[in-house]
Amino acid sequence: MVKYMNVRSIFISFLTLICLFILPTLLLASDETLTITTYYPSPYGVYNEMRSKRIAIGDNYINNADYTWELTDGDGGEVDYLADLVVEGNVGIGTVTPAEKMEVSGNIKLSGASATYKITNVANPTANQDVATKAYVDAAGGVAYIVTTQFDATQLQQGNCSCTAYPAANCPSGWTIVTSWTYCVCVTATSSSSFDKMPYRQTLCSK
C-alpha cells in the first residue's frame, strides 16, 4: 500500500511539472508573431503631437486603393509624388466655416529672403474688394486716379446712419470708369435720435 501511494505521488508530481513548465513552453514556441494594436483615441480624441510624412484628407482620398501616392514621377499613382498634403474639401484657417477651397480669417504673409514669392493665376476683379491683377492694371493704361463725388448740401439725408442713395460714378472727360465704391458719413443731427448723412462715391478712373 505504501509503495502504491509513492508511485501515485510521483506520477501526480510529474504531471504537475509538465503542466506548469513544459506545456506552456511548447505552446509559446508554436506562435511566431504576437501583434498588439490600439486605436486609442480613435475614433475621436486628441493627440498632443502627430507627425506624418504625407497626409490625404477627404471622404474619397482616404481610399488608398483609388488614390495611391506616386513613388516616382509619372509611375501611375493618382497623387503626385511631390505632394505632402492633399485635401478633398474646404480648408479653414482661423475659421470653422470655410466657404471656399481655402478661407483664412486673418492676415496672410509671404515671407522669404527677398520679395520673390507671389500669388499667381488670379482672375480679374469683379467686386470692389477684389485684388487687381497686373494684366488688369496694364489694360487700364497703367495710369489711374480716384474721383470722390458727393451730393450737395440740399440733398443731405436724415435718419439712422445708413445712406439710401449715392451719387453716380463720375470720371473727367477722356477717362474711363474702372470701378467705384460708396461710403456714408454720419454726424449727430439736431435731434439726438437721428443723423445727418452725406453719401459719397469714389470712382477709380483710368486712361
C-alpha atoms as a PDB file:
ATOM      1  CA  MET A   1       0.000   0.000   0.000  1.00  0.00           C
ATOM      2  CA  VAL A   2       2.851   2.346   0.817  1.00  0.00           C
ATOM      3  CA  LYS A   3       4.594   1.603  -2.444  1.00  0.00           C
ATOM      4  CA  TYR A   4       1.372   2.259  -4.351  1.00  0.00           C
ATOM      5  CA  MET A   5       0.971   5.672  -2.706  1.00  0.00           C
ATOM      6  CA  ASN A   6       4.563   6.617  -3.503  1.00  0.00           C
ATOM      7  CA  VAL A   7       4.143   5.749  -7.170  1.00  0.00           C
ATOM      8  CA  ARG A   8       0.894   7.695  -7.301  1.00  0.00           C
ATOM      9  CA  SER A   9       2.515  10.744  -5.699  1.00  0.00           C
ATOM     10  CA  ILE A  10       5.432  10.641  -8.120  1.00  0.00           C
ATOM     11  CA  PHE A  11       3.044  10.404 -11.093  1.00  0.00           C
ATOM     12  CA  ILE A  12       0.980  13.403  -9.911  1.00  0.00           C
ATOM     13  CA  SER A  13       4.120  15.424  -9.336  1.00  0.00           C
ATOM     14  CA  PHE A  14       5.324  14.573 -12.838  1.00  0.00           C
ATOM     15  CA  LEU A  15       2.033  15.719 -14.392  1.00  0.00           C
ATOM     16  CA  THR A  16       2.164  18.954 -12.378  1.00  0.00           C
ATOM     17  CA  LEU A  17       5.678  19.615 -13.651  1.00  0.00           C
ATOM     18  CA  ILE A  18       4.526  19.140 -17.250  1.00  0.00           C
ATOM     19  CA  CYS A  19       1.517  21.454 -16.818  1.00  0.00           C
ATOM     20  CA  LEU A  20       3.463  24.231 -15.097  1.00  0.00           C
ATOM     21  CA  PHE A  21       6.669  24.355 -17.115  1.00  0.00           C
ATOM     22  CA  ILE A  22       6.866  22.163 -20.188  1.00  0.00           C
ATOM     23  CA  LEU A  23       3.389  22.615 -21.752  1.00  0.00           C
ATOM     24  CA  PRO A  24       3.395  26.481 -21.696  1.00  0.00           C
ATOM     25  CA  THR A  25       6.838  26.461 -23.279  1.00  0.00           C
ATOM     26  CA  LEU A  26       5.631  24.260 -26.129  1.00  0.00           C
ATOM     27  CA  LEU A  27       2.556  26.437 -26.686  1.00  0.00           C
ATOM     28  CA  LEU A  28       4.579  29.679 -26.810  1.00  0.00           C
ATOM     29  CA  ALA A  29       7.106  28.161 -29.167  1.00  0.00           C
ATOM     30  CA  SER A  30       4.328  27.422 -31.680  1.00  0.00           C
ATOM     31  CA  ASP A  31       3.444  31.148 -32.038  1.00  0.00           C
ATOM     32  CA  GLU A  32       5.786  33.019 -34.336  1.00  0.00           C
ATOM     33  CA  THR A  33       4.282  36.534 -34.140  1.00  0.00           C
ATOM     34  CA  LEU A  34       2.471  38.439 -31.423  1.00  0.00           C
ATOM     35  CA  THR A  35       0.808  41.679 -32.587  1.00  0.00           C
ATOM     36  CA  ILE A  36      -0.739  44.190 -30.195  1.00  0.00           C
ATOM     37  CA  THR A  37      -2.676  47.085 -31.711  1.00  0.00           C
ATOM     38  CA  THR A  38      -4.565  50.029 -30.267  1.00  0.00           C
ATOM     39  CA  TYR A  39      -6.927  52.585 -31.780  1.00  0.00           C
ATOM     40  CA  TYR A  40      -6.810  54.983 -28.863  1.00  0.00           C
ATOM     41  CA  PRO A  41      -8.047  57.701 -29.028  1.00  0.00           C
ATOM     42  CA  SER A  42      -9.878  56.645 -32.218  1.00  0.00           C
ATOM     43  CA  PRO A  43     -12.498  57.268 -33.437  1.00  0.00           C
ATOM     44  CA  TYR A  44     -12.417  60.569 -31.576  1.00  0.00           C
ATOM     45  CA  GLY A  45      -9.817  62.086 -29.343  1.00  0.00           C
ATOM     46  CA  VAL A  46      -6.914  64.478 -29.056  1.00  0.00           C
ATOM     47  CA  TYR A  47      -3.232  63.899 -29.763  1.00  0.00           C
ATOM     48  CA  ASN A  48      -0.673  66.208 -28.188  1.00  0.00           C
ATOM     49  CA  GLU A  49       1.578  65.702 -31.186  1.00  0.00           C
ATOM     50  CA  MET A  50       1.245  63.978 -34.547  1.00  0.00           C
ATOM     51  CA  ARG A  51       3.824  63.536 -37.305  1.00  0.00           C
ATOM     52  CA  SER A  52       3.437  62.087 -40.752  1.00  0.00           C
ATOM     53  CA  LYS A  53       5.432  62.165 -43.984  1.00  0.00           C
ATOM     54  CA  ARG A  54       2.282  62.813 -46.001  1.00  0.00           C
ATOM     55  CA  ILE A  55      -1.466  63.036 -45.441  1.00  0.00           C
ATOM     56  CA  ALA A  56      -4.521  62.639 -47.667  1.00  0.00           C
ATOM     57  CA  ILE A  57      -7.790  64.020 -46.256  1.00  0.00           C
ATOM     58  CA  GLY A  58     -11.280  63.536 -47.670  1.00  0.00           C
ATOM     59  CA  ASP A  59     -14.137  61.071 -47.974  1.00  0.00           C
ATOM     60  CA  ASN A  60     -12.658  59.687 -51.202  1.00  0.00           C
ATOM     61  CA  TYR A  61      -8.970  60.399 -50.603  1.00  0.00           C
ATOM     62  CA  ILE A  62      -8.883  58.036 -47.619  1.00  0.00           C
ATOM     63  CA  ASN A  63      -9.299  55.140 -50.058  1.00  0.00           C
ATOM     64  CA  ASN A  64      -5.654  54.295 -50.708  1.00  0.00           C
ATOM     65  CA  ALA A  65      -6.630  51.797 -53.394  1.00  0.00           C
ATOM     66  CA  ASP A  66      -8.131  54.544 -55.577  1.00  0.00           C
ATOM     67  CA  TYR A  67      -5.692  57.299 -54.576  1.00  0.00           C
ATOM     68  CA  THR A  68      -2.225  55.828 -54.404  1.00  0.00           C
ATOM     69  CA  TRP A  69       0.855  58.038 -53.973  1.00  0.00           C
ATOM     70  CA  GLU A  70       3.404  58.085 -56.738  1.00  0.00           C
ATOM     71  CA  LEU A  71       6.793  56.724 -55.771  1.00  0.00           C
ATOM     72  CA  THR A  72       8.413  58.413 -58.760  1.00  0.00           C
ATOM     73  CA  ASP A  73       7.149  60.995 -61.224  1.00  0.00           C
ATOM     74  CA  GLY A  74       4.644  59.500 -63.671  1.00  0.00           C
ATOM     75  CA  ASP A  75       4.597  55.974 -62.275  1.00  0.00           C
ATOM     76  CA  GLY A  76       0.795  55.813 -62.405  1.00  0.00           C
ATOM     77  CA  GLY A  77      -0.189  56.917 -58.906  1.00  0.00           C
ATOM     78  CA  GLU A  78      -3.149  59.257 -58.538  1.00  0.00           C
ATOM     79  CA  VAL A  79      -1.400  61.560 -56.024  1.00  0.00           C
ATOM     80  CA  ASP A  80       1.710  63.412 -57.191  1.00  0.00           C
ATOM     81  CA  TYR A  81       4.908  62.195 -55.584  1.00  0.00           C
ATOM     82  CA  LEU A  82       5.864  65.763 -54.584  1.00  0.00           C
ATOM     83  CA  ALA A  83       2.619  66.326 -52.650  1.00  0.00           C
ATOM     84  CA  ASP A  84       2.837  66.127 -48.865  1.00  0.00           C
ATOM     85  CA  LEU A  85      -0.747  67.162 -48.087  1.00  0.00           C
ATOM     86  CA  VAL A  86      -3.844  66.768 -50.274  1.00  0.00           C
ATOM     87  CA  VAL A  87      -7.305  67.838 -49.106  1.00  0.00           C
ATOM     88  CA  GLU A  88     -10.522  66.998 -50.914  1.00  0.00           C
ATOM     89  CA  GLY A  89     -12.846  69.556 -49.311  1.00  0.00           C
ATOM     90  CA  ASN A  90     -12.535  73.106 -47.987  1.00  0.00           C
ATOM     91  CA  VAL A  91      -9.749  74.242 -45.667  1.00  0.00           C
ATOM     92  CA  GLY A  92     -10.390  76.777 -42.928  1.00  0.00           C
ATOM     93  CA  ILE A  93      -7.583  78.655 -41.169  1.00  0.00           C
ATOM     94  CA  GLY A  94      -8.924  80.690 -38.273  1.00  0.00           C
ATOM     95  CA  THR A  95     -12.478  79.701 -39.216  1.00  0.00           C
ATOM     96  CA  VAL A  96     -14.592  76.578 -38.825  1.00  0.00           C
ATOM     97  CA  THR A  97     -16.924  77.515 -41.696  1.00  0.00           C
ATOM     98  CA  PRO A  98     -14.751  77.798 -44.827  1.00  0.00           C
ATOM     99  CA  ALA A  99     -16.925  78.669 -47.830  1.00  0.00           C
ATOM    100  CA  GLU A 100     -14.176  78.176 -50.439  1.00  0.00           C
ATOM    101  CA  LYS A 101     -11.356  75.720 -51.095  1.00  0.00           C
ATOM    102  CA  MET A 102      -9.344  77.819 -48.637  1.00  0.00           C
ATOM    103  CA  GLU A 103     -10.641  80.549 -46.358  1.00  0.00           C
ATOM    104  CA  VAL A 104      -8.350  82.438 -43.983  1.00  0.00           C
ATOM    105  CA  SER A 105      -9.682  84.584 -41.175  1.00  0.00           C
ATOM    106  CA  GLY A 106      -6.640  86.781 -40.585  1.00  0.00           C
ATOM    107  CA  ASN A 107      -3.641  88.182 -42.382  1.00  0.00           C
ATOM    108  CA  ILE A 108      -1.649  86.227 -44.948  1.00  0.00           C
ATOM    109  CA  LYS A 109       2.103  86.793 -45.142  1.00  0.00           C
ATOM    110  CA  LEU A 110       4.506  85.611 -47.835  1.00  0.00           C
ATOM    111  CA  SER A 111       7.966  85.651 -46.291  1.00  0.00           C
ATOM    112  CA  GLY A 112      11.425  84.900 -47.578  1.00  0.00           C
ATOM    113  CA  ALA A 113      14.913  86.294 -48.011  1.00  0.00           C
ATOM    114  CA  SER A 114      13.704  88.535 -50.829  1.00  0.00           C
ATOM    115  CA  ALA A 115      10.414  89.579 -52.399  1.00  0.00           C
ATOM    116  CA  THR A 116      10.291  86.664 -54.813  1.00  0.00           C
ATOM    117  CA  TYR A 117       7.061  84.985 -53.713  1.00  0.00           C
ATOM    118  CA  LYS A 118       3.747  85.828 -55.357  1.00  0.00           C
ATOM    119  CA  ILE A 119       0.172  84.694 -55.874  1.00  0.00           C
ATOM    120  CA  THR A 120      -0.403  83.551 -59.434  1.00  0.00           C
ATOM    121  CA  ASN A 121      -3.294  82.695 -61.748  1.00  0.00           C
ATOM    122  CA  VAL A 122      -5.694  85.267 -60.251  1.00  0.00           C
ATOM    123  CA  ALA A 123      -8.914  86.175 -62.057  1.00  0.00           C
ATOM    124  CA  ASN A 124      -9.708  89.776 -62.993  1.00  0.00           C
ATOM    125  CA  PRO A 125     -11.549  91.666 -60.253  1.00  0.00           C
ATOM    126  CA  THR A 126     -15.330  91.911 -60.351  1.00  0.00           C
ATOM    127  CA  ALA A 127     -16.062  93.359 -56.890  1.00  0.00           C
ATOM    128  CA  ASN A 128     -14.684  96.409 -55.106  1.00  0.00           C
ATOM    129  CA  GLN A 129     -12.760  94.300 -52.586  1.00  0.00           C
ATOM    130  CA  ASP A 130     -11.125  92.071 -55.225  1.00  0.00           C
ATOM    131  CA  VAL A 131      -7.410  92.227 -55.942  1.00  0.00           C
ATOM    132  CA  ALA A 132      -6.480  93.657 -59.346  1.00  0.00           C
ATOM    133  CA  THR A 133      -4.024  91.665 -61.438  1.00  0.00           C
ATOM    134  CA  LYS A 134      -1.080  93.216 -63.295  1.00  0.00           C
ATOM    135  CA  ALA A 135      -2.753  92.414 -66.622  1.00  0.00           C
ATOM    136  CA  TYR A 136      -5.905  94.198 -65.483  1.00  0.00           C
ATOM    137  CA  VAL A 137      -3.981  97.311 -64.442  1.00  0.00           C
ATOM    138  CA  ASP A 138      -1.901  97.281 -67.640  1.00  0.00           C
ATOM    139  CA  ALA A 139      -5.068  97.005 -69.737  1.00  0.00           C
ATOM    140  CA  ALA A 140      -6.412 100.057 -67.935  1.00  0.00           C
ATOM    141  CA  GLY A 141      -3.462 102.015 -69.250  1.00  0.00           C
ATOM    142  CA  GLY A 142      -1.320 101.919 -66.146  1.00  0.00           C
ATOM    143  CA  VAL A 143      -2.489 105.442 -65.170  1.00  0.00           C
ATOM    144  CA  ALA A 144      -5.349 105.858 -62.745  1.00  0.00           C
ATOM    145  CA  TYR A 145      -6.706 108.111 -60.061  1.00  0.00           C
ATOM    146  CA  ILE A 146      -9.711 108.250 -57.756  1.00  0.00           C
ATOM    147  CA  VAL A 147     -12.503 110.803 -58.036  1.00  0.00           C
ATOM    148  CA  THR A 148     -14.659 111.477 -54.955  1.00  0.00           C
ATOM    149  CA  THR A 149     -18.184 112.810 -55.524  1.00  0.00           C
ATOM    150  CA  GLN A 150     -20.929 113.768 -53.089  1.00  0.00           C
ATOM    151  CA  PHE A 151     -24.403 115.284 -53.085  1.00  0.00           C
ATOM    152  CA  ASP A 152     -24.720 118.990 -52.365  1.00  0.00           C
ATOM    153  CA  ALA A 153     -25.986 120.229 -49.004  1.00  0.00           C
ATOM    154  CA  THR A 154     -29.576 120.355 -50.200  1.00  0.00           C
ATOM    155  CA  GLN A 155     -29.527 116.571 -50.596  1.00  0.00           C
ATOM    156  CA  LEU A 156     -28.344 115.863 -47.049  1.00  0.00           C
ATOM    157  CA  GLN A 157     -30.184 112.800 -45.742  1.00  0.00           C
ATOM    158  CA  GLN A 158     -31.512 112.210 -42.241  1.00  0.00           C
ATOM    159  CA  GLY A 159     -32.490 109.201 -40.186  1.00  0.00           C
ATOM    160  CA  ASN A 160     -30.406 106.272 -38.993  1.00  0.00           C
ATOM    161  CA  CYS A 161     -26.780 106.001 -40.050  1.00  0.00           C
ATOM    162  CA  SER A 162     -27.439 104.310 -43.382  1.00  0.00           C
ATOM    163  CA  CYS A 163     -27.499 106.220 -46.654  1.00  0.00           C
ATOM    164  CA  THR A 164     -30.213 105.271 -49.129  1.00  0.00           C
ATOM    165  CA  ALA A 165     -28.898 106.915 -52.315  1.00  0.00           C
ATOM    166  CA  TYR A 166     -25.467 107.738 -53.697  1.00  0.00           C
ATOM    167  CA  PRO A 167     -24.088 109.960 -56.461  1.00  0.00           C
ATOM    168  CA  ALA A 168     -23.353 108.351 -59.803  1.00  0.00           C
ATOM    169  CA  ALA A 169     -19.844 107.259 -60.730  1.00  0.00           C
ATOM    170  CA  ASN A 170     -18.027 110.082 -62.481  1.00  0.00           C
ATOM    171  CA  CYS A 171     -14.722 110.493 -64.314  1.00  0.00           C
ATOM    172  CA  PRO A 172     -13.297 113.502 -66.184  1.00  0.00           C
ATOM    173  CA  SER A 173     -13.627 113.697 -69.920  1.00  0.00           C
ATOM    174  CA  GLY A 174     -11.272 111.294 -71.657  1.00  0.00           C
ATOM    175  CA  TRP A 175     -11.056 108.986 -68.638  1.00  0.00           C
ATOM    176  CA  THR A 176     -12.748 105.604 -68.238  1.00  0.00           C
ATOM    177  CA  ILE A 177     -14.584 104.346 -65.181  1.00  0.00           C
ATOM    178  CA  VAL A 178     -12.857 101.190 -63.928  1.00  0.00           C
ATOM    179  CA  THR A 179     -14.932 100.610 -60.781  1.00  0.00           C
ATOM    180  CA  SER A 180     -16.488 102.576 -57.936  1.00  0.00           C
ATOM    181  CA  TRP A 181     -17.482 102.158 -54.302  1.00  0.00           C
ATOM    182  CA  THR A 182     -19.604 104.063 -51.806  1.00  0.00           C
ATOM    183  CA  TYR A 183     -19.498 105.099 -48.170  1.00  0.00           C
ATOM    184  CA  CYS A 184     -21.723 107.093 -45.835  1.00  0.00           C
ATOM    185  CA  VAL A 185     -20.570 109.776 -43.369  1.00  0.00           C
ATOM    186  CA  CYS A 186     -22.932 110.324 -40.435  1.00  0.00           C
ATOM    187  CA  VAL A 187     -22.983 113.093 -37.804  1.00  0.00           C
ATOM    188  CA  THR A 188     -25.441 113.578 -34.977  1.00  0.00           C
ATOM    189  CA  ALA A 189     -28.319 115.768 -36.081  1.00  0.00           C
ATOM    190  CA  THR A 190     -30.188 118.389 -34.083  1.00  0.00           C
ATOM    191  CA  SER A 191     -32.465 115.650 -32.861  1.00  0.00           C
ATOM    192  CA  SER A 192     -30.466 113.122 -30.833  1.00  0.00           C
ATOM    193  CA  SER A 193     -32.487 110.279 -32.352  1.00  0.00           C
ATOM    194  CA  SER A 194     -31.292 110.846 -35.930  1.00  0.00           C
ATOM    195  CA  PHE A 195     -28.202 111.548 -38.026  1.00  0.00           C
ATOM    196  CA  ASP A 196     -27.276 113.928 -40.776  1.00  0.00           C
ATOM    197  CA  LYS A 197     -25.889 111.690 -43.516  1.00  0.00           C
ATOM    198  CA  MET A 198     -23.764 112.578 -46.512  1.00  0.00           C
ATOM    199  CA  PRO A 199     -23.334 109.813 -49.096  1.00  0.00           C
ATOM    200  CA  TYR A 200     -20.088 109.680 -51.065  1.00  0.00           C
ATOM    201  CA  ARG A 201     -18.948 107.714 -54.076  1.00  0.00           C
ATOM    202  CA  GLN A 202     -15.333 107.157 -55.063  1.00  0.00           C
ATOM    203  CA  THR A 203     -14.564 106.189 -58.633  1.00  0.00           C
ATOM    204  CA  LEU A 204     -11.401 104.646 -59.988  1.00  0.00           C
ATOM    205  CA  CYS A 205     -10.632 106.273 -63.341  1.00  0.00           C
ATOM    206  CA  SER A 206      -8.044 105.281 -65.915  1.00  0.00           C
ATOM    207  CA  LYS A 207      -6.822 106.215 -69.359  1.00  0.00           C
END
